[in-house]
Amino acid sequence: MPTERYGKARRMLRDGRAKVVKAKPFTIQLTYETTKYTQPITLGIDAGYQSIGFSAITEKKELLAGECQLLQGQVERNRERLMYRRQMEPGCGVNHNEIYGDDAKANIGRNRNVSGKC
């Protein structure tokens, strides 16, 4: 759980009751057994079309808030990928236009291993 009692954390580090786990964000781990108290935290999510907002709160304050921007334009990228895949020779990974030039469709099936890639 987050704390704002920095003096206590500093004394615990000095006395060996805690150790530093990460510097950024500054995180410590207790080296002794603690009680099983837990803090009730509520996670709120706003799932929108272009972005997703989220927030973790307690009864008193907000602990974490953020926003994720969703990927846009996936349909166009899929169409472009399909166009490039259709240009490739089936099963070989060779581009027809590089081997045969403009009349690539007329030469499909002839000299399949021209490039030596198969």
N, C-alpha and C. Protein backbone atom coordinates (compact mmCIF):
# COMPACT_ATOMS: atom_id res chain seq x y z
N MET A 1 0.84 -1.18 0.00
CA MET A 1 0.00 0.00 0.00
C MET A 1 0.88 1.24 0.00
N PRO A 2 0.51 2.26 -0.69
CA PRO A 2 1.29 3.49 -0.71
C PRO A 2 1.28 4.17 0.66
N THR A 3 2.33 4.92 0.92
CA THR A 3 2.41 5.64 2.19
C THR A 3 2.89 7.05 1.96
N GLU A 4 2.52 7.91 2.86
CA GLU A 4 3.04 9.27 2.86
C GLU A 4 3.87 9.50 4.12
N ARG A 5 4.16 8.42 4.84
CA ARG A 5 4.96 8.50 6.07
C ARG A 5 6.41 8.14 5.72
N TYR A 6 7.10 9.10 5.13
CA TYR A 6 8.45 8.86 4.62
C TYR A 6 9.46 8.63 5.73
N GLY A 7 9.27 9.27 6.87
CA GLY A 7 10.18 9.08 7.99
C GLY A 7 10.16 7.65 8.49
N LYS A 8 8.98 7.06 8.57
CA LYS A 8 8.87 5.68 9.01
C LYS A 8 9.57 4.75 8.02
N ALA A 9 9.38 4.98 6.73
CA ALA A 9 10.04 4.15 5.72
C ALA A 9 11.55 4.30 5.82
N ARG A 10 12.04 5.50 6.04
CA ARG A 10 13.48 5.73 6.16
C ARG A 10 14.04 5.01 7.38
N ARG A 11 13.32 5.06 8.52
CA ARG A 11 13.78 4.36 9.73
C ARG A 11 13.77 2.85 9.54
N MET A 12 12.76 2.33 8.83
CA MET A 12 12.71 0.89 8.58
C MET A 12 13.88 0.44 7.71
N LEU A 13 14.26 1.25 6.74
CA LEU A 13 15.43 0.94 5.91
C LEU A 13 16.70 0.96 6.74
N ARG A 14 16.82 1.96 7.61
CA ARG A 14 18.01 2.10 8.44
C ARG A 14 18.15 0.93 9.41
N ASP A 15 17.03 0.48 9.99
CA ASP A 15 17.05 -0.60 10.99
C ASP A 15 17.09 -1.99 10.37
N GLY A 16 16.99 -2.09 9.05
CA GLY A 16 17.04 -3.39 8.40
C GLY A 16 15.69 -4.10 8.35
N ARG A 17 14.61 -3.42 8.67
CA ARG A 17 13.28 -4.02 8.62
C ARG A 17 12.67 -3.92 7.23
N ALA A 18 13.38 -3.28 6.29
CA ALA A 18 12.92 -3.15 4.91
C ALA A 18 14.13 -3.07 4.00
N LYS A 19 13.92 -3.40 2.72
CA LYS A 19 14.99 -3.29 1.74
C LYS A 19 14.44 -2.60 0.49
N VAL A 20 15.32 -1.95 -0.25
CA VAL A 20 14.93 -1.24 -1.46
C VAL A 20 14.78 -2.25 -2.59
N VAL A 21 13.64 -2.20 -3.28
CA VAL A 21 13.39 -3.10 -4.41
C VAL A 21 13.68 -2.38 -5.72
N LYS A 22 13.15 -1.15 -5.88
CA LYS A 22 13.36 -0.36 -7.09
C LYS A 22 13.60 1.09 -6.69
N ALA A 23 14.39 1.79 -7.51
CA ALA A 23 14.65 3.19 -7.24
C ALA A 23 13.57 4.09 -7.86
N LYS A 24 13.10 3.75 -9.05
CA LYS A 24 12.06 4.55 -9.71
C LYS A 24 10.97 3.63 -10.19
N PRO A 25 9.77 3.72 -9.70
CA PRO A 25 9.37 4.48 -8.52
C PRO A 25 9.97 3.85 -7.28
N PHE A 26 10.25 4.68 -6.29
CA PHE A 26 10.91 4.19 -5.08
C PHE A 26 10.00 3.20 -4.38
N THR A 27 10.48 1.95 -4.27
CA THR A 27 9.68 0.86 -3.71
C THR A 27 10.51 0.10 -2.70
N ILE A 28 9.91 -0.17 -1.54
CA ILE A 28 10.61 -0.96 -0.53
C ILE A 28 9.81 -2.22 -0.25
N GLN A 29 10.51 -3.23 0.28
CA GLN A 29 9.88 -4.48 0.67
C GLN A 29 10.22 -4.74 2.13
N LEU A 30 9.20 -5.07 2.91
CA LEU A 30 9.43 -5.34 4.33
C LEU A 30 10.10 -6.70 4.47
N THR A 31 11.02 -6.80 5.43
CA THR A 31 11.75 -8.05 5.64
C THR A 31 11.21 -8.83 6.82
N TYR A 32 10.11 -8.39 7.41
CA TYR A 32 9.51 -9.10 8.53
C TYR A 32 8.05 -9.42 8.20
N GLU A 33 7.49 -10.38 8.93
CA GLU A 33 6.10 -10.79 8.72
C GLU A 33 5.16 -9.70 9.24
N THR A 34 4.17 -9.38 8.46
CA THR A 34 3.22 -8.33 8.84
C THR A 34 1.85 -8.93 9.12
N THR A 35 0.95 -8.07 9.58
CA THR A 35 -0.43 -8.51 9.78
C THR A 35 -1.10 -8.66 8.42
N LYS A 36 -2.25 -9.24 8.39
CA LYS A 36 -2.95 -9.51 7.14
C LYS A 36 -3.97 -8.43 6.80
N TYR A 37 -3.72 -7.20 7.20
CA TYR A 37 -4.64 -6.12 6.87
C TYR A 37 -4.58 -5.82 5.38
N THR A 38 -5.73 -5.62 4.78
CA THR A 38 -5.78 -5.24 3.37
C THR A 38 -6.58 -3.96 3.24
N GLN A 39 -6.29 -3.23 2.21
CA GLN A 39 -6.96 -1.97 1.94
C GLN A 39 -7.95 -2.17 0.80
N PRO A 40 -9.22 -1.85 1.01
CA PRO A 40 -10.19 -2.01 -0.09
C PRO A 40 -9.96 -0.95 -1.17
N ILE A 41 -9.71 -1.41 -2.38
CA ILE A 41 -9.45 -0.53 -3.51
C ILE A 41 -10.47 -0.85 -4.60
N THR A 42 -11.02 0.20 -5.19
CA THR A 42 -12.00 0.04 -6.26
C THR A 42 -11.37 0.45 -7.58
N LEU A 43 -11.53 -0.40 -8.59
CA LEU A 43 -11.02 -0.10 -9.92
C LEU A 43 -12.18 0.31 -10.80
N GLY A 44 -12.08 1.49 -11.38
CA GLY A 44 -13.10 1.97 -12.30
C GLY A 44 -12.54 2.03 -13.71
N ILE A 45 -13.32 1.55 -14.68
CA ILE A 45 -12.88 1.52 -16.08
C ILE A 45 -13.95 2.17 -16.94
N ASP A 46 -13.53 3.09 -17.80
CA ASP A 46 -14.42 3.72 -18.77
C ASP A 46 -13.94 3.28 -20.15
N ALA A 47 -14.61 2.29 -20.71
CA ALA A 47 -14.20 1.75 -22.01
C ALA A 47 -14.88 2.54 -23.12
N GLY A 48 -14.14 3.41 -23.74
CA GLY A 48 -14.66 4.21 -24.84
C GLY A 48 -14.25 3.65 -26.18
N TYR A 49 -14.56 4.40 -27.24
CA TYR A 49 -14.26 3.95 -28.60
C TYR A 49 -12.81 4.21 -28.97
N GLN A 50 -12.29 5.39 -28.64
CA GLN A 50 -10.92 5.74 -29.02
C GLN A 50 -9.95 5.62 -27.86
N SER A 51 -10.43 5.63 -26.63
CA SER A 51 -9.53 5.53 -25.49
C SER A 51 -10.24 4.82 -24.34
N ILE A 52 -9.44 4.27 -23.43
CA ILE A 52 -9.95 3.60 -22.24
C ILE A 52 -9.37 4.33 -21.04
N GLY A 53 -10.23 4.79 -20.16
CA GLY A 53 -9.79 5.45 -18.94
C GLY A 53 -9.94 4.50 -17.76
N PHE A 54 -9.00 4.59 -16.80
CA PHE A 54 -9.07 3.73 -15.63
C PHE A 54 -8.61 4.50 -14.40
N SER A 55 -9.10 4.07 -13.24
CA SER A 55 -8.78 4.75 -12.00
C SER A 55 -8.91 3.76 -10.85
N ALA A 56 -7.94 3.78 -9.93
CA ALA A 56 -7.98 2.97 -8.71
C ALA A 56 -8.13 3.93 -7.53
N ILE A 57 -9.19 3.73 -6.74
CA ILE A 57 -9.48 4.65 -5.64
C ILE A 57 -9.77 3.90 -4.36
N THR A 58 -9.54 4.58 -3.24
CA THR A 58 -9.98 4.12 -1.93
C THR A 58 -11.15 5.01 -1.52
N GLU A 59 -11.58 4.88 -0.29
CA GLU A 59 -12.66 5.73 0.18
C GLU A 59 -12.20 7.18 0.33
N LYS A 60 -10.90 7.39 0.54
CA LYS A 60 -10.40 8.73 0.82
C LYS A 60 -9.78 9.43 -0.37
N LYS A 61 -9.05 8.70 -1.23
CA LYS A 61 -8.34 9.38 -2.31
C LYS A 61 -8.13 8.46 -3.51
N GLU A 62 -7.69 9.08 -4.59
CA GLU A 62 -7.39 8.37 -5.82
C GLU A 62 -5.93 7.93 -5.80
N LEU A 63 -5.69 6.65 -6.02
CA LEU A 63 -4.33 6.12 -5.99
C LEU A 63 -3.67 6.13 -7.36
N LEU A 64 -4.45 5.85 -8.39
CA LEU A 64 -3.90 5.70 -9.73
C LEU A 64 -4.95 6.10 -10.74
N ALA A 65 -4.54 6.81 -11.77
CA ALA A 65 -5.45 7.16 -12.86
C ALA A 65 -4.65 7.14 -14.15
N GLY A 66 -5.29 6.73 -15.23
CA GLY A 66 -4.60 6.69 -16.51
C GLY A 66 -5.56 6.56 -17.66
N GLU A 67 -4.98 6.67 -18.85
CA GLU A 67 -5.77 6.58 -20.07
C GLU A 67 -4.94 5.86 -21.12
N CYS A 68 -5.55 4.92 -21.82
CA CYS A 68 -4.90 4.17 -22.90
C CYS A 68 -5.55 4.56 -24.22
N GLN A 69 -4.73 4.98 -25.18
CA GLN A 69 -5.24 5.29 -26.51
C GLN A 69 -5.29 3.99 -27.31
N LEU A 70 -6.43 3.71 -27.91
CA LEU A 70 -6.60 2.49 -28.69
C LEU A 70 -6.03 2.66 -30.09
N LEU A 71 -5.64 1.56 -30.68
CA LEU A 71 -5.07 1.54 -32.02
C LEU A 71 -6.15 1.86 -33.04
N GLN A 72 -5.87 2.80 -33.92
CA GLN A 72 -6.83 3.21 -34.94
C GLN A 72 -6.32 2.77 -36.31
N GLY A 73 -7.23 2.50 -37.24
CA GLY A 73 -6.86 2.21 -38.61
C GLY A 73 -6.44 0.79 -38.89
N GLN A 74 -6.86 -0.16 -38.08
CA GLN A 74 -6.45 -1.55 -38.29
C GLN A 74 -7.03 -2.12 -39.58
N VAL A 75 -8.22 -1.71 -39.96
CA VAL A 75 -8.85 -2.22 -41.19
C VAL A 75 -8.00 -1.85 -42.40
N GLU A 76 -7.51 -0.60 -42.45
CA GLU A 76 -6.68 -0.17 -43.57
C GLU A 76 -5.36 -0.94 -43.60
N ARG A 77 -4.77 -1.18 -42.44
CA ARG A 77 -3.51 -1.95 -42.40
C ARG A 77 -3.73 -3.39 -42.87
N ASN A 78 -4.87 -3.98 -42.52
CA ASN A 78 -5.17 -5.34 -42.98
C ASN A 78 -5.34 -5.38 -44.49
N ARG A 79 -5.99 -4.37 -45.07
CA ARG A 79 -6.15 -4.32 -46.53
C ARG A 79 -4.81 -4.19 -47.22
N GLU A 80 -3.94 -3.36 -46.69
CA GLU A 80 -2.61 -3.19 -47.28
C GLU A 80 -1.81 -4.49 -47.20
N ARG A 81 -1.90 -5.17 -46.07
CA ARG A 81 -1.21 -6.43 -45.90
C ARG A 81 -1.73 -7.47 -46.89
N LEU A 82 -3.04 -7.52 -47.09
CA LEU A 82 -3.63 -8.44 -48.05
C LEU A 82 -3.16 -8.15 -49.47
N MET A 83 -3.04 -6.87 -49.80
CA MET A 83 -2.57 -6.49 -51.13
C MET A 83 -1.15 -7.02 -51.36
N TYR A 84 -0.27 -6.86 -50.37
CA TYR A 84 1.10 -7.35 -50.51
C TYR A 84 1.14 -8.88 -50.57
N ARG A 85 0.30 -9.54 -49.80
CA ARG A 85 0.27 -11.00 -49.82
C ARG A 85 -0.21 -11.52 -51.16
N ARG A 86 -1.14 -10.83 -51.80
CA ARG A 86 -1.64 -11.27 -53.10
C ARG A 86 -0.60 -11.10 -54.20
N GLN A 87 0.36 -10.21 -54.01
CA GLN A 87 1.42 -10.03 -54.99
C GLN A 87 2.46 -11.14 -54.91
N MET A 88 2.53 -11.83 -53.78
CA MET A 88 3.54 -12.86 -53.59
C MET A 88 3.10 -14.16 -54.25
N GLU A 89 4.05 -14.93 -54.73
CA GLU A 89 3.75 -16.22 -55.33
C GLU A 89 3.35 -17.20 -54.23
N PRO A 90 2.30 -17.97 -54.42
CA PRO A 90 1.82 -18.86 -53.37
C PRO A 90 2.87 -19.89 -52.96
N GLY A 91 3.13 -20.00 -51.68
CA GLY A 91 4.01 -21.02 -51.15
C GLY A 91 5.48 -20.76 -51.31
N CYS A 92 5.87 -19.68 -51.93
CA CYS A 92 7.29 -19.47 -52.20
C CYS A 92 7.81 -18.19 -51.59
N GLY A 93 6.98 -17.18 -51.47
CA GLY A 93 7.44 -15.91 -50.93
C GLY A 93 8.18 -15.08 -51.94
N VAL A 94 7.90 -15.26 -53.24
CA VAL A 94 8.57 -14.52 -54.30
C VAL A 94 7.58 -13.52 -54.88
N ASN A 95 8.01 -12.30 -55.11
CA ASN A 95 7.15 -11.28 -55.67
C ASN A 95 7.11 -11.43 -57.18
N HIS A 96 5.92 -11.62 -57.75
CA HIS A 96 5.77 -11.79 -59.20
C HIS A 96 6.30 -10.60 -59.97
N ASN A 97 6.02 -9.42 -59.50
CA ASN A 97 6.40 -8.22 -60.23
C ASN A 97 7.92 -8.06 -60.33
N GLU A 98 8.65 -8.52 -59.32
CA GLU A 98 10.11 -8.43 -59.36
C GLU A 98 10.70 -9.39 -60.40
N ILE A 99 10.08 -10.56 -60.57
CA ILE A 99 10.63 -11.58 -61.45
C ILE A 99 10.18 -11.39 -62.89
N TYR A 100 8.87 -11.21 -63.10
CA TYR A 100 8.31 -11.24 -64.44
C TYR A 100 7.98 -9.87 -65.01
N GLY A 101 8.02 -8.86 -64.20
CA GLY A 101 7.67 -7.53 -64.70
C GLY A 101 6.18 -7.30 -64.72
N ASP A 102 5.72 -6.54 -65.71
CA ASP A 102 4.31 -6.15 -65.77
C ASP A 102 3.37 -7.30 -66.09
N ASP A 103 3.82 -8.30 -66.87
CA ASP A 103 2.94 -9.41 -67.23
C ASP A 103 3.10 -10.57 -66.24
N ALA A 104 3.09 -10.25 -64.95
CA ALA A 104 3.30 -11.26 -63.91
C ALA A 104 2.19 -12.29 -63.89
N LYS A 105 0.94 -11.88 -64.11
CA LYS A 105 -0.17 -12.82 -64.05
C LYS A 105 -0.11 -13.84 -65.18
N ALA A 106 0.42 -13.46 -66.32
CA ALA A 106 0.51 -14.39 -67.45
C ALA A 106 1.55 -15.47 -67.20
N ASN A 107 2.54 -15.19 -66.35
CA ASN A 107 3.64 -16.13 -66.13
C ASN A 107 3.53 -16.89 -64.81
N ILE A 108 2.41 -16.79 -64.12
CA ILE A 108 2.26 -17.52 -62.86
C ILE A 108 2.31 -19.01 -63.14
N GLY A 109 3.10 -19.73 -62.38
CA GLY A 109 3.22 -21.17 -62.55
C GLY A 109 4.43 -21.57 -63.37
N ARG A 110 4.99 -20.68 -64.16
CA ARG A 110 6.18 -20.99 -64.95
C ARG A 110 7.41 -20.60 -64.14
N ASN A 111 8.41 -21.45 -64.16
CA ASN A 111 9.69 -21.16 -63.51
C ASN A 111 9.47 -20.67 -62.07
N ARG A 112 8.82 -21.48 -61.29
CA ARG A 112 8.46 -21.07 -59.93
C ARG A 112 9.68 -20.76 -59.08
N ASN A 113 10.79 -21.40 -59.34
CA ASN A 113 11.95 -21.23 -58.48
C ASN A 113 12.98 -20.33 -59.14
N VAL A 114 12.58 -19.29 -59.80
CA VAL A 114 13.49 -18.41 -60.51
C VAL A 114 14.43 -17.70 -59.55
N SER A 115 13.91 -17.28 -58.42
CA SER A 115 14.73 -16.50 -57.50
C SER A 115 15.65 -17.36 -56.65
N GLY A 116 15.40 -18.64 -56.57
CA GLY A 116 16.22 -19.51 -55.74
C GLY A 116 15.87 -19.45 -54.27
N LYS A 117 14.78 -18.78 -53.91
CA LYS A 117 14.40 -18.66 -52.50
C LYS A 117 13.67 -19.89 -51.99
N CYS A 118 13.07 -20.68 -52.87
CA CYS A 118 12.27 -21.83 -52.43
C CYS A 118 13.15 -23.03 -52.15
